[in-house]
Amino acid sequence: MIQGYNCIAVVHKSGDKWLMCLRKKDPYKGLYNLVGGKIEEGEDHPGAAYRELFEETGLTEGDIKLTKLMSFDYPLDGCYVEIYAGQLREEKAVSGDENDLEWISLDRDFFDMHCYAGEGNIGHILEILKLHPELAKIK
């Protein structure tokens, strides 16, 4: 069976930062990553994204409309990752127990693999998100 995961790009209402977590465990321990997690067997994929978003941040479907942006397939690792993105409708406090959460300015180099998880994918996700202002109005 191939395991599915999701990553969620939550853009702040202001459009100049997005929500990231500082990983407390492997993979990517000590690096910043987008929030997300496992898609459970038989689970609706967009529903899994909203479930993980709520579990990790306290944000709900009422706070943000998520749209699937892209996916990455890793056949050699037996998994795939779906990327969802959206912009907060209103400013909202976030909290989570799994990892430390932080709003990170979008002017950083997200291709820096010493700071950010995903072998450069986070930088790629941001660049693709910039091409779709209907999902998030990035400044």
N, C-alpha and C. Protein backbone atom coordinates (compact mmCIF):
# COMPACT_ATOMS: atom_id res chain seq x y z
N MET A 1 0.84 -1.19 0.00
CA MET A 1 0.00 0.00 0.00
C MET A 1 0.89 1.26 0.00
N ILE A 2 0.49 2.22 -0.75
CA ILE A 2 1.20 3.50 -0.81
C ILE A 2 0.57 4.44 0.22
N GLN A 3 1.39 5.03 1.08
CA GLN A 3 0.91 5.93 2.12
C GLN A 3 0.77 7.34 1.58
N GLY A 4 -0.37 7.97 1.85
CA GLY A 4 -0.59 9.36 1.47
C GLY A 4 -0.37 10.31 2.63
N TYR A 5 0.15 11.47 2.31
CA TYR A 5 0.36 12.55 3.28
C TYR A 5 -0.17 13.84 2.67
N ASN A 6 -0.41 14.83 3.53
CA ASN A 6 -0.75 16.16 3.03
C ASN A 6 0.12 17.20 3.70
N CYS A 7 0.35 18.28 3.00
CA CYS A 7 0.99 19.48 3.52
C CYS A 7 0.07 20.65 3.19
N ILE A 8 -0.04 21.57 4.13
CA ILE A 8 -1.00 22.65 3.97
C ILE A 8 -0.30 24.00 4.08
N ALA A 9 -0.37 24.76 3.00
CA ALA A 9 0.19 26.11 2.96
C ALA A 9 -0.90 27.08 3.40
N VAL A 10 -0.77 27.57 4.63
CA VAL A 10 -1.72 28.53 5.20
C VAL A 10 -1.10 29.91 5.10
N VAL A 11 -1.63 30.73 4.20
CA VAL A 11 -1.14 32.10 4.03
C VAL A 11 -1.92 33.01 4.96
N HIS A 12 -1.21 33.86 5.67
CA HIS A 12 -1.83 34.82 6.60
C HIS A 12 -2.75 35.76 5.83
N LYS A 13 -3.72 36.30 6.49
CA LYS A 13 -4.66 37.25 5.86
C LYS A 13 -3.91 38.41 5.21
N SER A 14 -2.79 38.84 5.81
CA SER A 14 -2.01 39.97 5.28
C SER A 14 -1.30 39.64 3.97
N GLY A 15 -1.09 38.34 3.67
CA GLY A 15 -0.45 37.92 2.43
C GLY A 15 1.06 38.01 2.42
N ASP A 16 1.68 38.31 3.58
CA ASP A 16 3.13 38.46 3.60
C ASP A 16 3.86 37.39 4.42
N LYS A 17 3.12 36.41 4.94
CA LYS A 17 3.73 35.33 5.70
C LYS A 17 2.83 34.10 5.64
N TRP A 18 3.44 32.96 5.97
CA TRP A 18 2.64 31.72 6.03
C TRP A 18 3.02 30.94 7.26
N LEU A 19 2.14 30.02 7.60
CA LEU A 19 2.29 29.26 8.83
C LEU A 19 3.20 28.06 8.62
N MET A 20 4.18 27.94 9.50
CA MET A 20 5.09 26.80 9.44
C MET A 20 5.24 26.21 10.84
N CYS A 21 5.66 24.96 10.88
CA CYS A 21 5.95 24.31 12.15
C CYS A 21 7.43 23.98 12.20
N LEU A 22 7.99 24.05 13.39
CA LEU A 22 9.36 23.64 13.61
C LEU A 22 9.32 22.21 14.10
N ARG A 23 9.81 21.28 13.27
CA ARG A 23 9.69 19.85 13.54
C ARG A 23 10.44 19.44 14.81
N LYS A 24 9.74 18.73 15.68
CA LYS A 24 10.33 18.23 16.92
C LYS A 24 10.86 16.80 16.78
N LYS A 25 10.48 16.13 15.68
CA LYS A 25 10.95 14.75 15.49
C LYS A 25 11.22 14.50 14.01
N ASP A 26 11.91 13.40 13.75
CA ASP A 26 12.20 13.02 12.37
C ASP A 26 10.94 12.54 11.68
N PRO A 27 10.82 12.67 10.39
CA PRO A 27 11.83 13.27 9.52
C PRO A 27 11.87 14.80 9.66
N TYR A 28 12.98 15.35 9.33
CA TYR A 28 13.19 16.80 9.29
C TYR A 28 13.23 17.46 10.67
N LYS A 29 13.61 16.72 11.69
CA LYS A 29 13.72 17.29 13.04
C LYS A 29 14.59 18.54 13.00
N GLY A 30 14.09 19.63 13.62
CA GLY A 30 14.83 20.88 13.69
C GLY A 30 14.68 21.79 12.49
N LEU A 31 13.90 21.35 11.47
CA LEU A 31 13.67 22.17 10.28
C LEU A 31 12.23 22.67 10.27
N TYR A 32 12.02 23.78 9.58
CA TYR A 32 10.67 24.28 9.38
C TYR A 32 9.99 23.51 8.26
N ASN A 33 8.70 23.27 8.43
CA ASN A 33 7.90 22.58 7.43
C ASN A 33 6.49 23.15 7.45
N LEU A 34 5.75 22.88 6.40
CA LEU A 34 4.33 23.21 6.40
C LEU A 34 3.62 22.23 7.32
N VAL A 35 2.46 22.61 7.83
CA VAL A 35 1.69 21.69 8.67
C VAL A 35 1.06 20.62 7.79
N GLY A 36 0.69 19.51 8.39
CA GLY A 36 0.07 18.42 7.64
C GLY A 36 0.32 17.10 8.31
N GLY A 37 -0.05 16.02 7.61
CA GLY A 37 0.14 14.70 8.20
C GLY A 37 -0.36 13.60 7.30
N LYS A 38 -0.63 12.45 7.90
CA LYS A 38 -1.04 11.25 7.17
C LYS A 38 -2.49 11.33 6.72
N ILE A 39 -2.73 10.77 5.54
CA ILE A 39 -4.09 10.53 5.06
C ILE A 39 -4.42 9.10 5.48
N GLU A 40 -5.45 8.94 6.27
CA GLU A 40 -5.83 7.61 6.77
C GLU A 40 -6.48 6.81 5.64
N GLU A 41 -6.33 5.48 5.71
CA GLU A 41 -6.91 4.60 4.70
C GLU A 41 -8.43 4.83 4.60
N GLY A 42 -8.89 5.04 3.38
CA GLY A 42 -10.32 5.27 3.12
C GLY A 42 -10.80 6.68 3.41
N GLU A 43 -9.92 7.56 3.87
CA GLU A 43 -10.31 8.92 4.24
C GLU A 43 -10.43 9.81 3.00
N ASP A 44 -11.42 10.66 2.97
CA ASP A 44 -11.57 11.67 1.94
C ASP A 44 -10.36 12.61 2.02
N HIS A 45 -9.67 12.83 0.91
CA HIS A 45 -8.41 13.56 0.94
C HIS A 45 -8.56 15.02 1.36
N PRO A 46 -9.50 15.80 0.80
CA PRO A 46 -9.66 17.17 1.32
C PRO A 46 -10.07 17.17 2.79
N GLY A 47 -10.90 16.21 3.18
CA GLY A 47 -11.28 16.08 4.59
C GLY A 47 -10.09 15.81 5.48
N ALA A 48 -9.15 15.00 4.98
CA ALA A 48 -7.93 14.70 5.74
C ALA A 48 -7.11 15.97 5.92
N ALA A 49 -7.06 16.82 4.90
CA ALA A 49 -6.31 18.08 5.00
C ALA A 49 -6.93 18.98 6.09
N TYR A 50 -8.26 19.10 6.09
CA TYR A 50 -8.91 19.91 7.13
C TYR A 50 -8.74 19.28 8.51
N ARG A 51 -8.77 17.96 8.60
CA ARG A 51 -8.58 17.29 9.89
C ARG A 51 -7.18 17.58 10.43
N GLU A 52 -6.15 17.39 9.58
CA GLU A 52 -4.78 17.65 10.01
C GLU A 52 -4.59 19.12 10.37
N LEU A 53 -5.18 20.00 9.58
CA LEU A 53 -5.07 21.43 9.86
C LEU A 53 -5.63 21.75 11.25
N PHE A 54 -6.80 21.20 11.56
CA PHE A 54 -7.40 21.45 12.86
C PHE A 54 -6.56 20.84 13.99
N GLU A 55 -6.12 19.59 13.80
CA GLU A 55 -5.34 18.93 14.84
C GLU A 55 -4.04 19.66 15.15
N GLU A 56 -3.41 20.21 14.13
CA GLU A 56 -2.10 20.84 14.32
C GLU A 56 -2.15 22.33 14.63
N THR A 57 -3.27 23.01 14.27
CA THR A 57 -3.31 24.47 14.42
C THR A 57 -4.56 25.01 15.11
N GLY A 58 -5.63 24.23 15.14
CA GLY A 58 -6.90 24.72 15.65
C GLY A 58 -7.73 25.45 14.60
N LEU A 59 -7.21 25.58 13.38
CA LEU A 59 -7.94 26.25 12.29
C LEU A 59 -8.95 25.29 11.69
N THR A 60 -10.09 25.85 11.25
CA THR A 60 -11.16 25.04 10.68
C THR A 60 -11.50 25.49 9.26
N GLU A 61 -12.39 24.74 8.64
CA GLU A 61 -12.87 25.08 7.30
C GLU A 61 -13.52 26.46 7.28
N GLY A 62 -14.05 26.91 8.40
CA GLY A 62 -14.62 28.25 8.49
C GLY A 62 -13.58 29.35 8.45
N ASP A 63 -12.33 29.00 8.77
CA ASP A 63 -11.24 29.98 8.80
C ASP A 63 -10.53 30.13 7.46
N ILE A 64 -10.58 29.07 6.63
CA ILE A 64 -9.78 29.04 5.40
C ILE A 64 -10.40 28.07 4.41
N LYS A 65 -10.38 28.44 3.14
CA LYS A 65 -10.80 27.53 2.07
C LYS A 65 -9.53 26.93 1.47
N LEU A 66 -9.39 25.60 1.60
CA LEU A 66 -8.23 24.92 1.05
C LEU A 66 -8.54 24.39 -0.35
N THR A 67 -7.57 24.51 -1.23
CA THR A 67 -7.65 23.98 -2.59
C THR A 67 -6.40 23.16 -2.84
N LYS A 68 -6.56 22.01 -3.49
CA LYS A 68 -5.39 21.20 -3.81
C LYS A 68 -4.56 21.94 -4.86
N LEU A 69 -3.30 22.17 -4.54
CA LEU A 69 -2.40 22.91 -5.41
C LEU A 69 -1.58 21.98 -6.30
N MET A 70 -1.10 20.87 -5.73
CA MET A 70 -0.25 19.94 -6.48
C MET A 70 -0.06 18.68 -5.65
N SER A 71 0.64 17.72 -6.24
CA SER A 71 1.02 16.53 -5.48
C SER A 71 2.40 16.07 -5.94
N PHE A 72 3.07 15.38 -5.05
CA PHE A 72 4.38 14.80 -5.31
C PHE A 72 4.28 13.29 -5.10
N ASP A 73 4.74 12.51 -6.07
CA ASP A 73 4.76 11.06 -5.95
C ASP A 73 6.20 10.60 -5.69
N TYR A 74 6.34 9.69 -4.74
CA TYR A 74 7.64 9.13 -4.38
C TYR A 74 7.56 7.61 -4.44
N PRO A 75 7.55 7.02 -5.66
CA PRO A 75 7.37 5.57 -5.78
C PRO A 75 8.48 4.77 -5.11
N LEU A 76 9.68 5.29 -5.06
CA LEU A 76 10.77 4.55 -4.41
C LEU A 76 10.61 4.53 -2.89
N ASP A 77 9.86 5.48 -2.35
CA ASP A 77 9.62 5.56 -0.91
C ASP A 77 8.24 5.06 -0.52
N GLY A 78 7.42 4.68 -1.51
CA GLY A 78 6.09 4.15 -1.23
C GLY A 78 5.12 5.15 -0.66
N CYS A 79 5.23 6.42 -1.12
CA CYS A 79 4.31 7.42 -0.60
C CYS A 79 4.06 8.53 -1.64
N TYR A 80 3.08 9.36 -1.34
CA TYR A 80 2.79 10.56 -2.11
C TYR A 80 2.38 11.65 -1.13
N VAL A 81 2.53 12.91 -1.57
CA VAL A 81 2.17 14.06 -0.74
C VAL A 81 1.28 14.98 -1.56
N GLU A 82 0.12 15.30 -1.01
CA GLU A 82 -0.79 16.27 -1.63
C GLU A 82 -0.60 17.62 -0.95
N ILE A 83 -0.51 18.67 -1.74
CA ILE A 83 -0.31 20.02 -1.21
C ILE A 83 -1.61 20.80 -1.36
N TYR A 84 -2.10 21.31 -0.25
CA TYR A 84 -3.30 22.16 -0.22
C TYR A 84 -2.87 23.56 0.18
N ALA A 85 -3.60 24.55 -0.30
CA ALA A 85 -3.24 25.94 0.00
C ALA A 85 -4.48 26.79 0.13
N GLY A 86 -4.34 27.87 0.90
CA GLY A 86 -5.41 28.84 1.06
C GLY A 86 -4.94 29.98 1.92
N GLN A 87 -5.76 31.02 1.98
CA GLN A 87 -5.44 32.22 2.76
C GLN A 87 -6.50 32.39 3.84
N LEU A 88 -6.05 32.72 5.06
CA LEU A 88 -7.00 32.95 6.15
C LEU A 88 -7.99 34.05 5.79
N ARG A 89 -9.23 33.83 6.14
CA ARG A 89 -10.26 34.84 5.89
C ARG A 89 -10.12 36.02 6.85
N GLU A 90 -9.78 35.71 8.09
CA GLU A 90 -9.60 36.71 9.14
C GLU A 90 -8.39 36.30 9.97
N GLU A 91 -7.79 37.28 10.66
CA GLU A 91 -6.68 36.94 11.53
C GLU A 91 -7.19 36.03 12.64
N LYS A 92 -6.44 34.98 12.92
CA LYS A 92 -6.88 33.98 13.89
C LYS A 92 -5.67 33.44 14.64
N ALA A 93 -5.81 33.25 15.94
CA ALA A 93 -4.74 32.65 16.73
C ALA A 93 -4.63 31.17 16.38
N VAL A 94 -3.41 30.68 16.36
CA VAL A 94 -3.17 29.26 16.08
C VAL A 94 -2.46 28.65 17.28
N SER A 95 -2.71 27.36 17.49
CA SER A 95 -2.02 26.66 18.57
C SER A 95 -2.00 25.18 18.25
N GLY A 96 -0.92 24.53 18.69
CA GLY A 96 -0.79 23.10 18.48
C GLY A 96 0.19 22.50 19.46
N ASP A 97 0.02 21.23 19.74
CA ASP A 97 0.88 20.53 20.69
C ASP A 97 2.00 19.77 20.01
N GLU A 98 1.79 19.39 18.75
CA GLU A 98 2.74 18.49 18.07
C GLU A 98 4.07 19.17 17.76
N ASN A 99 4.02 20.36 17.19
CA ASN A 99 5.22 21.13 16.84
C ASN A 99 5.00 22.59 17.20
N ASP A 100 6.09 23.35 17.33
CA ASP A 100 5.97 24.79 17.54
C ASP A 100 5.52 25.43 16.24
N LEU A 101 4.56 26.33 16.31
CA LEU A 101 4.03 27.01 15.12
C LEU A 101 4.58 28.44 15.07
N GLU A 102 4.82 28.90 13.84
CA GLU A 102 5.36 30.24 13.66
C GLU A 102 4.92 30.79 12.31
N TRP A 103 4.57 32.07 12.30
CA TRP A 103 4.30 32.75 11.03
C TRP A 103 5.64 33.20 10.46
N ILE A 104 5.98 32.74 9.28
CA ILE A 104 7.28 33.00 8.65
C ILE A 104 7.08 33.93 7.45
N SER A 105 7.88 34.99 7.39
CA SER A 105 7.82 35.95 6.29
C SER A 105 8.10 35.25 4.96
N LEU A 106 7.36 35.60 3.93
CA LEU A 106 7.49 34.98 2.61
C LEU A 106 8.70 35.48 1.83
N ASP A 107 9.48 36.38 2.42
CA ASP A 107 10.66 36.87 1.71
C ASP A 107 11.92 36.03 2.00
N ARG A 108 11.78 34.92 2.69
CA ARG A 108 12.92 34.05 3.00
C ARG A 108 13.25 33.11 1.84
N ASP A 109 14.43 32.50 1.89
CA ASP A 109 14.85 31.54 0.88
C ASP A 109 14.39 30.15 1.31
N PHE A 110 13.20 29.74 0.84
CA PHE A 110 12.62 28.45 1.23
C PHE A 110 13.26 27.28 0.49
N PHE A 111 14.24 27.56 -0.35
CA PHE A 111 15.02 26.50 -0.99
C PHE A 111 16.22 26.11 -0.13
N ASP A 112 16.44 26.80 0.99
CA ASP A 112 17.56 26.52 1.88
C ASP A 112 17.25 25.25 2.68
N MET A 113 17.90 24.15 2.31
CA MET A 113 17.62 22.86 2.92
C MET A 113 18.22 22.71 4.32
N HIS A 114 18.99 23.72 4.78
CA HIS A 114 19.48 23.71 6.15
C HIS A 114 18.44 24.27 7.12
N CYS A 115 17.43 24.95 6.58
CA CYS A 115 16.39 25.55 7.41
C CYS A 115 15.01 24.95 7.16
N TYR A 116 14.76 24.51 5.92
CA TYR A 116 13.41 24.09 5.53
C TYR A 116 13.39 22.66 5.04
N ALA A 117 12.38 21.93 5.42
CA ALA A 117 12.21 20.52 5.05
C ALA A 117 11.87 20.40 3.57
N GLY A 118 11.89 19.16 3.09
CA GLY A 118 11.34 18.87 1.77
C GLY A 118 12.27 18.96 0.58
N GLU A 119 13.57 18.99 0.79
CA GLU A 119 14.53 18.99 -0.33
C GLU A 119 14.23 20.06 -1.38
N GLY A 120 13.83 21.24 -0.93
CA GLY A 120 13.55 22.34 -1.84
C GLY A 120 12.09 22.46 -2.26
N ASN A 121 11.27 21.48 -1.90
CA ASN A 121 9.87 21.51 -2.31
C ASN A 121 9.09 22.69 -1.72
N ILE A 122 9.46 23.14 -0.52
CA ILE A 122 8.73 24.27 0.08
C ILE A 122 8.93 25.53 -0.76
N GLY A 123 10.14 25.76 -1.23
CA GLY A 123 10.37 26.88 -2.13
C GLY A 123 9.57 26.75 -3.40
N HIS A 124 9.52 25.55 -3.95
CA HIS A 124 8.75 25.28 -5.17
C HIS A 124 7.26 25.53 -4.93
N ILE A 125 6.76 25.07 -3.80
CA ILE A 125 5.34 25.28 -3.47
C ILE A 125 5.01 26.77 -3.43
N LEU A 126 5.87 27.56 -2.79
CA LEU A 126 5.62 29.00 -2.73
C LEU A 126 5.62 29.63 -4.12
N GLU A 127 6.57 29.25 -4.97
CA GLU A 127 6.63 29.82 -6.31
C GLU A 127 5.37 29.47 -7.12
N ILE A 128 4.89 28.24 -6.99
CA ILE A 128 3.65 27.86 -7.70
C ILE A 128 2.45 28.59 -7.11
N LEU A 129 2.42 28.73 -5.80
CA LEU A 129 1.32 29.45 -5.15
C LEU A 129 1.26 30.90 -5.63
N LYS A 130 2.40 31.52 -5.86
CA LYS A 130 2.44 32.91 -6.37
C LYS A 130 1.78 33.02 -7.74
N LEU A 131 1.78 31.94 -8.51
CA LEU A 131 1.16 31.94 -9.83
C LEU A 131 -0.37 31.84 -9.77
N HIS A 132 -0.91 31.63 -8.56
CA HIS A 132 -2.35 31.43 -8.40
C HIS A 132 -2.94 32.38 -7.36
N PRO A 133 -3.06 33.66 -7.71
CA PRO A 133 -3.60 34.64 -6.75
C PRO A 133 -5.04 34.37 -6.35
N GLU A 134 -5.73 33.49 -7.09
CA GLU A 134 -7.09 33.14 -6.68
C GLU A 134 -7.09 32.31 -5.39
N LEU A 135 -5.95 31.72 -5.05
CA LEU A 135 -5.82 30.93 -3.81
C LEU A 135 -5.31 31.76 -2.66
N ALA A 136 -4.38 32.70 -2.95
CA ALA A 136 -3.80 33.54 -1.91
C ALA A 136 -3.21 34.79 -2.56
N LYS A 137 -3.53 35.92 -2.00
CA LYS A 137 -2.99 37.18 -2.50
C LYS A 137 -1.71 37.49 -1.73
N ILE A 138 -0.59 37.07 -2.34
CA ILE A 138 0.72 37.19 -1.71
C ILE A 138 1.34 38.54 -2.04
N LYS A 139 1.88 39.17 -1.01
CA LYS A 139 2.54 40.49 -1.19
C LYS A 139 4.02 40.30 -1.34
